[in-house]
N, C-alpha and C. Protein backbone atom coordinates (compact mmCIF):
# COMPACT_ATOMS: atom_id res chain seq x y z
N MET A 1 -30.35 0.30 1.76
CA MET A 1 -28.89 0.67 2.46
C MET A 1 -27.84 -0.30 1.10
N ARG A 2 -27.73 0.42 0.69
CA ARG A 2 -26.14 0.03 -0.23
C ARG A 2 -24.64 0.00 0.64
N THR A 3 -24.31 -1.12 -0.12
CA THR A 3 -23.44 -1.75 0.53
C THR A 3 -21.70 -2.47 -0.72
N LYS A 4 -20.72 -2.38 -0.78
CA LYS A 4 -19.79 -2.79 -1.72
C LYS A 4 -19.57 -3.41 -1.69
N VAL A 5 -18.92 -4.95 -2.67
CA VAL A 5 -18.04 -5.90 -1.77
C VAL A 5 -17.35 -6.40 -3.06
N ALA A 6 -16.22 -6.58 -3.11
CA ALA A 6 -14.58 -6.11 -4.06
C ALA A 6 -13.92 -8.36 -4.13
N PHE A 7 -14.13 -7.72 -4.76
CA PHE A 7 -13.42 -9.51 -5.35
C PHE A 7 -12.19 -9.68 -6.45
N CYS A 8 -10.73 -9.91 -5.66
CA CYS A 8 -10.34 -10.19 -6.34
C CYS A 8 -9.65 -11.27 -7.67
N LEU A 9 -9.87 -10.80 -8.29
CA LEU A 9 -10.18 -11.80 -9.32
C LEU A 9 -8.16 -12.25 -9.82
N TRP A 10 -7.41 -13.38 -10.34
CA TRP A 10 -7.07 -13.58 -11.31
C TRP A 10 -7.23 -14.64 -12.38
N GLY A 11 -8.03 -14.30 -14.14
CA GLY A 11 -8.77 -15.30 -14.41
C GLY A 11 -9.60 -15.16 -14.34
N ASP A 12 -10.89 -16.24 -14.41
CA ASP A 12 -11.94 -16.72 -14.22
C ASP A 12 -12.40 -17.02 -12.31
N ARG A 13 -11.03 -17.14 -12.00
CA ARG A 13 -10.95 -17.34 -10.15
C ARG A 13 -10.95 -16.56 -9.53
N ILE A 14 -11.04 -16.43 -7.97
CA ILE A 14 -10.67 -15.84 -6.73
C ILE A 14 -8.93 -16.12 -7.07
N ALA A 15 -8.11 -14.51 -6.84
CA ALA A 15 -7.13 -14.47 -7.21
C ALA A 15 -6.34 -15.17 -5.60
N PRO A 16 -5.73 -16.19 -5.92
CA PRO A 16 -4.71 -16.50 -4.67
C PRO A 16 -3.99 -15.75 -3.55
N ARG A 17 -3.79 -14.70 -4.25
CA ARG A 17 -3.04 -13.21 -3.31
C ARG A 17 -3.85 -12.67 -4.00
N TYR A 18 -3.51 -10.54 -2.93
CA TYR A 18 -4.44 -10.13 -3.19
C TYR A 18 -3.35 -9.64 -3.80
N ASP A 19 -2.68 -9.56 -3.79
CA ASP A 19 -1.59 -8.16 -4.45
C ASP A 19 -1.07 -9.13 -6.12
N ARG A 20 -1.31 -10.22 -6.27
CA ARG A 20 -0.90 -10.70 -7.37
C ARG A 20 -2.84 -10.88 -8.85
N SER A 21 -3.39 -10.16 -7.89
CA SER A 21 -4.95 -9.95 -8.27
C SER A 21 -4.99 -8.97 -9.89
N GLN A 22 -5.01 -9.90 -11.00
CA GLN A 22 -5.09 -8.98 -12.74
C GLN A 22 -6.84 -7.98 -12.49
N MET A 23 -7.30 -8.56 -11.61
CA MET A 23 -8.53 -7.40 -11.64
C MET A 23 -9.26 -7.51 -10.78
N VAL A 24 -9.89 -6.59 -10.35
CA VAL A 24 -11.54 -6.55 -9.15
C VAL A 24 -12.45 -6.50 -9.60
N TRP A 25 -13.22 -6.60 -8.82
CA TRP A 25 -15.01 -7.13 -9.18
C TRP A 25 -15.42 -6.29 -8.42
N ILE A 26 -15.54 -5.45 -8.39
CA ILE A 26 -16.43 -4.90 -7.80
C ILE A 26 -18.29 -4.55 -7.22
N VAL A 27 -19.06 -5.60 -6.82
CA VAL A 27 -20.60 -5.69 -6.95
C VAL A 27 -21.28 -4.09 -5.65
N THR A 28 -22.03 -3.35 -5.89
CA THR A 28 -22.44 -3.29 -5.40
C THR A 28 -23.88 -4.13 -4.75
N LEU A 29 -23.70 -3.14 -4.14
CA LEU A 29 -25.56 -3.85 -3.61
C LEU A 29 -26.43 -3.61 -2.67
N GLU A 30 -27.88 -3.87 -3.01
CA GLU A 30 -28.83 -3.13 -1.94
C GLU A 30 -29.65 -3.84 -1.60
N GLY A 31 -29.52 -4.55 -0.47
CA GLY A 31 -29.99 -5.09 0.32
C GLY A 31 -28.97 -6.58 -0.40
N ASN A 32 -29.71 -7.94 -0.85
CA ASN A 32 -29.06 -8.95 -1.70
C ASN A 32 -29.48 -9.05 -3.59
N THR A 33 -29.10 -7.92 -3.71
CA THR A 33 -29.11 -7.56 -5.27
C THR A 33 -28.29 -6.74 -6.11
N VAL A 34 -27.33 -7.70 -6.72
CA VAL A 34 -26.69 -6.37 -7.45
C VAL A 34 -27.62 -5.98 -8.66
N VAL A 35 -27.03 -4.11 -7.79
CA VAL A 35 -27.22 -2.76 -8.59
C VAL A 35 -26.40 -2.13 -9.75
N HIS A 36 -24.81 -2.48 -9.24
CA HIS A 36 -24.37 -2.10 -9.77
C HIS A 36 -22.69 -3.58 -10.16
N GLU A 37 -22.19 -3.04 -11.75
CA GLU A 37 -20.84 -3.79 -10.89
C GLU A 37 -20.11 -2.89 -11.94
N THR A 38 -18.82 -2.96 -11.48
CA THR A 38 -17.42 -2.27 -11.72
C THR A 38 -16.39 -3.00 -11.54
N THR A 39 -15.99 -3.13 -12.85
CA THR A 39 -14.35 -3.71 -12.92
C THR A 39 -12.73 -2.98 -12.57
N LEU A 40 -11.94 -3.37 -12.07
CA LEU A 40 -10.92 -2.64 -11.49
C LEU A 40 -9.06 -3.05 -11.63
N ALA A 41 -8.98 -2.49 -13.44
CA ALA A 41 -7.50 -3.22 -13.74
C ALA A 41 -6.44 -3.19 -11.83
N ALA A 42 -6.01 -4.08 -12.07
CA ALA A 42 -5.74 -4.33 -10.86
C ALA A 42 -3.69 -4.94 -11.29
N GLU A 43 -3.62 -5.42 -12.73
CA GLU A 43 -2.53 -5.92 -12.39
C GLU A 43 -0.89 -5.21 -12.70
N HIS A 44 -1.02 -4.04 -13.12
CA HIS A 44 -0.09 -2.96 -12.89
C HIS A 44 0.06 -2.69 -11.77
N LEU A 45 -0.39 -2.51 -10.59
CA LEU A 45 -0.69 -1.31 -9.42
C LEU A 45 0.45 -2.21 -8.21
N GLU A 46 0.27 -1.22 -7.58
CA GLU A 46 1.98 -1.81 -6.27
C GLU A 46 0.49 -2.52 -5.33
N PRO A 47 1.04 -3.13 -4.23
CA PRO A 47 -0.30 -3.47 -3.11
C PRO A 47 -0.70 -2.56 -2.42
N THR A 48 -0.13 -1.46 -2.17
CA THR A 48 -0.19 -0.18 -1.54
C THR A 48 -1.23 0.81 -2.81
N SER A 49 -0.93 0.89 -3.78
CA SER A 49 -1.76 1.38 -4.77
C SER A 49 -3.19 0.47 -4.44
N LEU A 50 -2.83 -0.52 -4.70
CA LEU A 50 -4.40 -0.95 -4.88
C LEU A 50 -5.13 -1.36 -3.62
N CYS A 51 -4.34 -0.79 -2.50
CA CYS A 51 -5.31 -0.56 -1.42
C CYS A 51 -6.26 0.09 -1.03
N SER A 52 -5.55 1.72 -1.92
CA SER A 52 -5.84 3.22 -1.51
C SER A 52 -6.70 2.57 -2.92
N ALA A 53 -6.81 2.34 -4.25
CA ALA A 53 -7.49 2.40 -5.01
C ALA A 53 -8.83 1.52 -4.67
N VAL A 54 -8.93 0.46 -3.85
CA VAL A 54 -9.45 -0.54 -3.22
C VAL A 54 -10.65 0.38 -2.10
N ALA A 55 -9.81 0.91 -1.22
CA ALA A 55 -10.41 2.13 -0.32
C ALA A 55 -11.19 3.38 -1.13
N ALA A 56 -10.68 3.97 -2.18
CA ALA A 56 -11.01 4.54 -2.36
C ALA A 56 -12.62 4.25 -3.12
N GLN A 57 -12.76 3.06 -3.55
CA GLN A 57 -13.96 2.92 -3.67
C GLN A 57 -14.67 2.77 -3.01
N GLU A 58 -15.17 3.11 -1.67
CA GLU A 58 -15.77 2.81 -0.58
C GLU A 58 -16.34 0.95 -0.79
N VAL A 59 -15.41 0.86 -0.43
CA VAL A 59 -15.92 -0.62 -0.44
C VAL A 59 -16.06 -1.81 1.05
N GLY A 60 -16.94 -1.95 1.18
CA GLY A 60 -17.08 -2.48 2.70
C GLY A 60 -16.09 -3.89 3.13
N THR A 61 -16.50 -4.81 1.73
CA THR A 61 -16.06 -6.53 2.35
C THR A 61 -14.43 -6.06 0.80
N LEU A 62 -13.72 -7.45 1.21
CA LEU A 62 -12.54 -7.81 0.11
C LEU A 62 -12.90 -8.86 0.27
N ILE A 63 -12.93 -9.72 -0.83
CA ILE A 63 -13.06 -11.39 -0.70
C ILE A 63 -11.86 -11.34 -1.73
N CYS A 64 -11.29 -12.97 -1.44
CA CYS A 64 -9.22 -12.36 -1.75
C CYS A 64 -8.87 -13.95 -0.97
N GLY A 65 -7.89 -14.56 -2.40
CA GLY A 65 -7.77 -15.68 -1.82
C GLY A 65 -6.11 -15.44 -0.26
N GLY A 66 -4.92 -15.15 -0.59
CA GLY A 66 -3.94 -14.32 0.34
C GLY A 66 -3.96 -13.32 0.68
N VAL A 67 -3.75 -12.01 1.36
CA VAL A 67 -3.03 -11.02 1.69
C VAL A 67 -2.40 -10.26 2.71
N MET A 68 -1.43 -9.95 2.18
CA MET A 68 0.14 -9.53 3.32
C MET A 68 -0.68 -9.09 4.03
N ASP A 69 -0.09 -8.95 5.33
CA ASP A 69 -0.40 -8.46 6.51
C ASP A 69 -0.19 -6.33 6.08
N GLN A 70 0.84 -6.63 5.62
CA GLN A 70 0.62 -4.62 5.48
C GLN A 70 -0.83 -4.04 4.94
N CYS A 71 -0.80 -5.44 4.06
CA CYS A 71 -2.60 -4.56 3.39
C CYS A 71 -3.11 -4.79 3.89
N ARG A 72 -3.27 -6.31 5.00
CA ARG A 72 -4.46 -6.11 5.89
C ARG A 72 -4.63 -4.82 6.25
N ARG A 73 -3.59 -4.69 7.01
CA ARG A 73 -3.31 -3.39 7.77
C ARG A 73 -4.02 -2.32 7.54
N ILE A 74 -3.67 -1.79 6.10
CA ILE A 74 -4.00 -0.81 5.47
C ILE A 74 -5.63 -0.63 5.07
N LEU A 75 -5.89 -1.44 5.16
CA LEU A 75 -7.58 -1.72 4.28
C LEU A 75 -8.04 -2.01 6.07
N THR A 76 -7.68 -2.04 6.64
CA THR A 76 -8.68 -3.12 8.03
C THR A 76 -8.66 -0.87 8.48
N ARG A 77 -7.11 -0.66 8.41
CA ARG A 77 -7.58 1.13 8.93
C ARG A 77 -8.53 2.28 8.09
N SER A 78 -8.83 1.53 6.53
CA SER A 78 -9.99 2.08 5.85
C SER A 78 -11.15 0.92 6.21
N GLY A 79 -11.53 0.94 6.59
CA GLY A 79 -13.19 0.04 7.65
C GLY A 79 -13.40 -1.05 6.36
N VAL A 80 -12.20 -1.97 6.00
CA VAL A 80 -12.58 -3.23 5.17
C VAL A 80 -12.16 -3.82 5.45
N VAL A 81 -13.72 -4.62 6.05
CA VAL A 81 -13.85 -6.29 6.61
C VAL A 81 -12.98 -7.07 5.06
N ILE A 82 -11.93 -7.73 5.27
CA ILE A 82 -11.45 -9.32 4.59
C ILE A 82 -12.50 -10.39 5.12
N ILE A 83 -12.63 -11.14 4.11
CA ILE A 83 -12.95 -12.20 3.44
C ILE A 83 -11.41 -13.06 2.96
N ASP A 84 -10.74 -13.84 3.19
CA ASP A 84 -9.36 -14.26 2.62
C ASP A 84 -9.20 -15.73 2.57
N ASN A 85 -8.47 -16.19 2.35
CA ASN A 85 -8.64 -17.53 1.40
C ASN A 85 -9.49 -18.08 1.16
N ILE A 86 -10.51 -17.72 0.21
CA ILE A 86 -11.09 -18.18 -0.83
C ILE A 86 -11.03 -18.84 -1.85
N ILE A 87 -11.10 -19.97 -2.41
CA ILE A 87 -11.06 -20.47 -3.25
C ILE A 87 -12.58 -20.85 -4.12
N GLY A 88 -12.29 -19.61 -5.64
CA GLY A 88 -13.73 -20.61 -6.29
C GLY A 88 -13.68 -19.45 -7.91
N SER A 89 -14.91 -19.19 -8.42
CA SER A 89 -15.59 -18.55 -8.96
C SER A 89 -16.16 -17.76 -8.81
N PRO A 90 -15.75 -16.44 -9.21
CA PRO A 90 -16.49 -15.08 -8.74
C PRO A 90 -17.80 -14.95 -7.88
N ARG A 91 -18.57 -16.00 -9.13
CA ARG A 91 -19.83 -15.99 -9.70
C ARG A 91 -20.29 -16.38 -7.95
N ALA A 92 -19.77 -17.37 -8.16
CA ALA A 92 -19.73 -18.51 -6.70
C ALA A 92 -20.25 -18.05 -5.62
N VAL A 93 -18.91 -17.49 -5.70
CA VAL A 93 -18.41 -16.80 -3.86
C VAL A 93 -19.50 -15.54 -3.62
N LEU A 94 -20.20 -15.18 -4.57
CA LEU A 94 -21.01 -14.67 -4.29
C LEU A 94 -22.19 -14.78 -3.71
N LYS A 95 -22.81 -15.80 -4.14
CA LYS A 95 -23.47 -16.97 -3.87
C LYS A 95 -23.90 -16.98 -2.56
N ARG A 96 -22.99 -16.99 -2.07
CA ARG A 96 -21.96 -17.81 -0.57
C ARG A 96 -22.27 -16.26 -0.28
N PHE A 97 -21.75 -15.20 -0.19
CA PHE A 97 -21.94 -13.90 0.17
C PHE A 97 -23.08 -14.37 0.38
N LEU A 98 -24.05 -13.91 -0.15
CA LEU A 98 -25.35 -13.11 -0.30
C LEU A 98 -25.84 -14.08 0.88
N ALA A 99 -25.85 -15.91 0.45
CA ALA A 99 -26.65 -15.93 1.23
C ALA A 99 -26.23 -16.62 2.77
N GLY A 100 -24.99 -15.40 3.10
CA GLY A 100 -25.01 -15.28 5.08
C GLY A 100 -23.66 -16.89 5.27
N THR A 101 -23.32 -17.60 4.43
CA THR A 101 -22.19 -18.87 3.99
C THR A 101 -20.81 -18.46 3.85
N LEU A 102 -20.74 -17.49 3.78
CA LEU A 102 -19.21 -16.76 3.42
C LEU A 102 -18.12 -16.98 4.10
N SER A 103 -17.23 -17.65 4.99
CA SER A 103 -16.52 -17.46 5.76
C SER A 103 -14.60 -17.67 5.43
N PRO A 104 -13.90 -17.06 6.39
CA PRO A 104 -12.39 -17.26 5.53
C PRO A 104 -12.06 -18.58 5.31
N GLY A 105 -11.24 -19.63 4.05
CA GLY A 105 -10.90 -20.87 4.12
C GLY A 105 -12.29 -21.26 3.35
N THR A 106 -13.47 -20.72 2.95
CA THR A 106 -14.19 -21.95 2.54
C THR A 106 -13.84 -22.14 0.47
N VAL A 107 -14.05 -23.18 0.30
CA VAL A 107 -13.56 -23.40 -1.11
C VAL A 107 -15.21 -23.78 -1.96
N VAL A 108 -15.43 -23.01 -2.78
CA VAL A 108 -16.55 -22.75 -3.70
C VAL A 108 -16.17 -23.70 -4.85
N ASP A 109 -17.33 -24.26 -5.63
CA ASP A 109 -17.44 -24.86 -6.89
C ASP A 109 -17.66 -25.33 -7.57
């Protein structure tokens, strides 16, 4: 079964706030194997437009720093699971996610 995980980025780190992401890195997984990667430019999108763009990509899980309540509601209604308050480099965070050891508030480096 394929699933998509989105990581909100600020440079080479997880963005401290969802609505301030420069880019969203979307990873498609087949089990624990990455089968596709893509990015979505987010820097100039309004928060609700970013929510729509993420939902349109059929993302199942979103990993970010903080997330506004309005965005949380929109994404949750779209079926997106949010793992927030994450700090770290995206590849290290992905490894923790794949290992099943990523939970809200995790600091990864």
